[in-house]
């Protein structure tokens, strides 16, 4: 697989964003069990 700098940056950013969203949703469910 060919790796481009842009792709790597985008992937890492997306991964971090997903992780933050996951943590946020986890804490949200912990504090206020809604959804």
PDB file of N, CA and C in Angstrom:
ATOM      1  N   UNK A   1       0.842  -1.198   0.000  1.00  0.00           N
ATOM      2  CA  UNK A   1       0.000   0.000   0.000  1.00  0.00           C
ATOM      3  C   UNK A   1       0.877   1.248   0.000  1.00  0.00           C
ATOM      4  N   UNK A   2       0.593   2.154  -0.907  1.00  0.00           N
ATOM      5  CA  UNK A   2       1.368   3.390  -0.988  1.00  0.00           C
ATOM      6  C   UNK A   2       0.882   4.352   0.083  1.00  0.00           C
ATOM      7  N   UNK A   3       1.804   4.906   0.847  1.00  0.00           N
ATOM      8  CA  UNK A   3       1.428   5.822   1.928  1.00  0.00           C
ATOM      9  C   UNK A   3       1.784   7.252   1.558  1.00  0.00           C
ATOM     10  N   UNK A   4       0.805   8.119   1.583  1.00  0.00           N
ATOM     11  CA  UNK A   4       1.039   9.526   1.304  1.00  0.00           C
ATOM     12  C   UNK A   4       1.046  10.305   2.617  1.00  0.00           C
ATOM     13  N   UNK A   5       1.869  11.336   2.718  1.00  0.00           N
ATOM     14  CA  UNK A   5       1.913  12.149   3.944  1.00  0.00           C
ATOM     15  C   UNK A   5       0.527  12.689   4.296  1.00  0.00           C
ATOM     16  N   UNK A   6      -0.184  13.165   3.263  1.00  0.00           N
ATOM     17  CA  UNK A   6      -1.524  13.698   3.488  1.00  0.00           C
ATOM     18  C   UNK A   6      -2.435  12.635   4.071  1.00  0.00           C
ATOM     19  N   UNK A   7      -2.356  11.432   3.517  1.00  0.00           N
ATOM     20  CA  UNK A   7      -3.201  10.337   3.979  1.00  0.00           C
ATOM     21  C   UNK A   7      -2.875   9.989   5.423  1.00  0.00           C
ATOM     22  N   UNK A   8      -1.589   9.943   5.738  1.00  0.00           N
ATOM     23  CA  UNK A   8      -1.171   9.618   7.110  1.00  0.00           C
ATOM     24  C   UNK A   8      -1.710  10.652   8.090  1.00  0.00           C
ATOM     25  N   UNK A   9      -1.560  11.926   7.737  1.00  0.00           N
ATOM     26  CA  UNK A   9      -2.041  12.999   8.613  1.00  0.00           C
ATOM     27  C   UNK A   9      -3.551  12.902   8.773  1.00  0.00           C
ATOM     28  N   UNK A  10      -4.239  12.681   7.654  1.00  0.00           N
ATOM     29  CA  UNK A  10      -5.693  12.590   7.683  1.00  0.00           C
ATOM     30  C   UNK A  10      -6.122  11.414   8.547  1.00  0.00           C
ATOM     31  N   UNK A  11      -5.446  10.289   8.380  1.00  0.00           N
ATOM     32  CA  UNK A  11      -5.801   9.086   9.129  1.00  0.00           C
ATOM     33  C   UNK A  11      -5.599   9.294  10.619  1.00  0.00           C
ATOM     34  N   UNK A  12      -4.441   9.850  10.980  1.00  0.00           N
ATOM     35  CA  UNK A  12      -4.150  10.071  12.401  1.00  0.00           C
ATOM     36  C   UNK A  12      -5.159  11.053  12.990  1.00  0.00           C
ATOM     37  N   UNK A  13      -5.502  12.088  12.224  1.00  0.00           N
ATOM     38  CA  UNK A  13      -6.470  13.078  12.701  1.00  0.00           C
ATOM     39  C   UNK A  13      -7.830  12.416  12.888  1.00  0.00           C
ATOM     40  N   UNK A  14      -8.233  11.603  11.914  1.00  0.00           N
ATOM     41  CA  UNK A  14      -9.514  10.908  11.989  1.00  0.00           C
ATOM     42  C   UNK A  14      -9.531   9.964  13.176  1.00  0.00           C
ATOM     43  N   UNK A  15      -8.421   9.262  13.395  1.00  0.00           N
ATOM     44  CA  UNK A  15      -8.325   8.318  14.509  1.00  0.00           C
ATOM     45  C   UNK A  15      -8.461   9.049  15.839  1.00  0.00           C
ATOM     46  N   UNK A  16      -7.760  10.181  15.946  1.00  0.00           N
ATOM     47  CA  UNK A  16      -7.829  10.965  17.185  1.00  0.00           C
ATOM     48  C   UNK A  16      -9.243  11.490  17.400  1.00  0.00           C
ATOM     49  N   UNK A  17      -9.870  11.954  16.312  1.00  0.00           N
ATOM     50  CA  UNK A  17     -11.227  12.481  16.407  1.00  0.00           C
ATOM     51  C   UNK A  17     -12.180  11.391  16.878  1.00  0.00           C
ATOM     52  N   UNK A  18     -12.052  10.200  16.272  1.00  0.00           N
ATOM     53  CA  UNK A  18     -12.905   9.078  16.662  1.00  0.00           C
ATOM     54  C   UNK A  18     -12.690   8.710  18.118  1.00  0.00           C
ATOM     55  N   UNK A  19     -11.444   8.726  18.558  1.00  0.00           N
ATOM     56  CA  UNK A  19     -11.132   8.391  19.943  1.00  0.00           C
ATOM     57  C   UNK A  19     -11.770   9.407  20.883  1.00  0.00           C
ATOM     58  N   UNK A  20     -11.657  10.691  20.527  1.00  0.00           N
ATOM     59  CA  UNK A  20     -12.251  11.746  21.356  1.00  0.00           C
ATOM     60  C   UNK A  20     -13.759  11.579  21.417  1.00  0.00           C
ATOM     61  N   UNK A  21     -14.377  11.297  20.264  1.00  0.00           N
ATOM     62  CA  UNK A  21     -15.825  11.109  20.223  1.00  0.00           C
ATOM     63  C   UNK A  21     -16.222   9.916  21.067  1.00  0.00           C
ATOM     64  N   UNK A  22     -15.450   8.850  20.975  1.00  0.00           N
ATOM     65  CA  UNK A  22     -15.740   7.644  21.746  1.00  0.00           C
ATOM     66  C   UNK A  22     -15.669   7.943  23.239  1.00  0.00           C
ATOM     67  N   UNK A  23     -14.614   8.633  23.652  1.00  0.00           N
ATOM     68  CA  UNK A  23     -14.457   8.989  25.067  1.00  0.00           C
ATOM     69  C   UNK A  23     -15.588   9.898  25.522  1.00  0.00           C
ATOM     70  N   UNK A  24     -15.928  10.875  24.686  1.00  0.00           N
ATOM     71  CA  UNK A  24     -16.994  11.820  25.030  1.00  0.00           C
ATOM     72  C   UNK A  24     -18.319  11.080  25.214  1.00  0.00           C
ATOM     73  N   UNK A  25     -18.639  10.199  24.279  1.00  0.00           N
ATOM     74  CA  UNK A  25     -19.891   9.447  24.371  1.00  0.00           C
ATOM     75  C   UNK A  25     -19.871   8.533  25.591  1.00  0.00           C
ATOM     76  N   UNK A  26     -18.709   7.954  25.890  1.00  0.00           N
ATOM     77  CA  UNK A  26     -18.584   7.058  27.036  1.00  0.00           C
ATOM     78  C   UNK A  26     -18.853   7.822  28.330  1.00  0.00           C
ATOM     79  N   UNK A  27     -18.218   8.995  28.457  1.00  0.00           N
ATOM     80  CA  UNK A  27     -18.414   9.798  29.665  1.00  0.00           C
ATOM     81  C   UNK A  27     -19.846  10.315  29.739  1.00  0.00           C
ATOM     82  N   UNK A  28     -20.421  10.633  28.573  1.00  0.00           N
ATOM     83  CA  UNK A  28     -21.794  11.126  28.534  1.00  0.00           C
ATOM     84  C   UNK A  28     -22.745  10.054  29.057  1.00  0.00           C
ATOM     85  N   UNK A  29     -22.517   8.807  28.620  1.00  0.00           N
ATOM     86  CA  UNK A  29     -23.371   7.708  29.067  1.00  0.00           C
ATOM     87  C   UNK A  29     -23.147   7.446  30.547  1.00  0.00           C
ATOM     88  N   UNK A  30     -21.929   7.721  31.016  1.00  0.00           N
ATOM     89  CA  UNK A  30     -21.624   7.513  32.431  1.00  0.00           C
ATOM     90  C   UNK A  30     -22.343   8.542  33.293  1.00  0.00           C
ATOM     91  N   UNK A  31     -22.297   9.809  32.864  1.00  0.00           N
ATOM     92  CA  UNK A  31     -22.899  10.877  33.657  1.00  0.00           C
ATOM     93  C   UNK A  31     -24.410  10.926  33.446  1.00  0.00           C
ATOM     94  N   UNK A  32     -24.826  10.993  32.177  1.00  0.00           N
ATOM     95  CA  UNK A  32     -26.260  11.058  31.878  1.00  0.00           C
ATOM     96  C   UNK A  32     -26.627   9.931  30.928  1.00  0.00           C
ATOM     97  N   UNK A  33     -27.203   8.847  31.449  1.00  0.00           N
ATOM     98  CA  UNK A  33     -27.601   7.708  30.606  1.00  0.00           C
ATOM     99  C   UNK A  33     -28.769   8.038  29.688  1.00  0.00           C
ATOM    100  N   UNK A  34     -28.456   8.717  28.594  1.00  0.00           N
ATOM    101  CA  UNK A  34     -29.469   9.029  27.588  1.00  0.00           C
ATOM    102  C   UNK A  34     -29.027   8.433  26.260  1.00  0.00           C
ATOM    103  N   UNK A  35     -29.988   8.173  25.351  1.00  0.00           N
ATOM    104  CA  UNK A  35     -29.724   7.597  24.023  1.00  0.00           C
ATOM    105  C   UNK A  35     -30.311   6.206  23.920  1.00  0.00           C
TER     106      UNK A  35
END
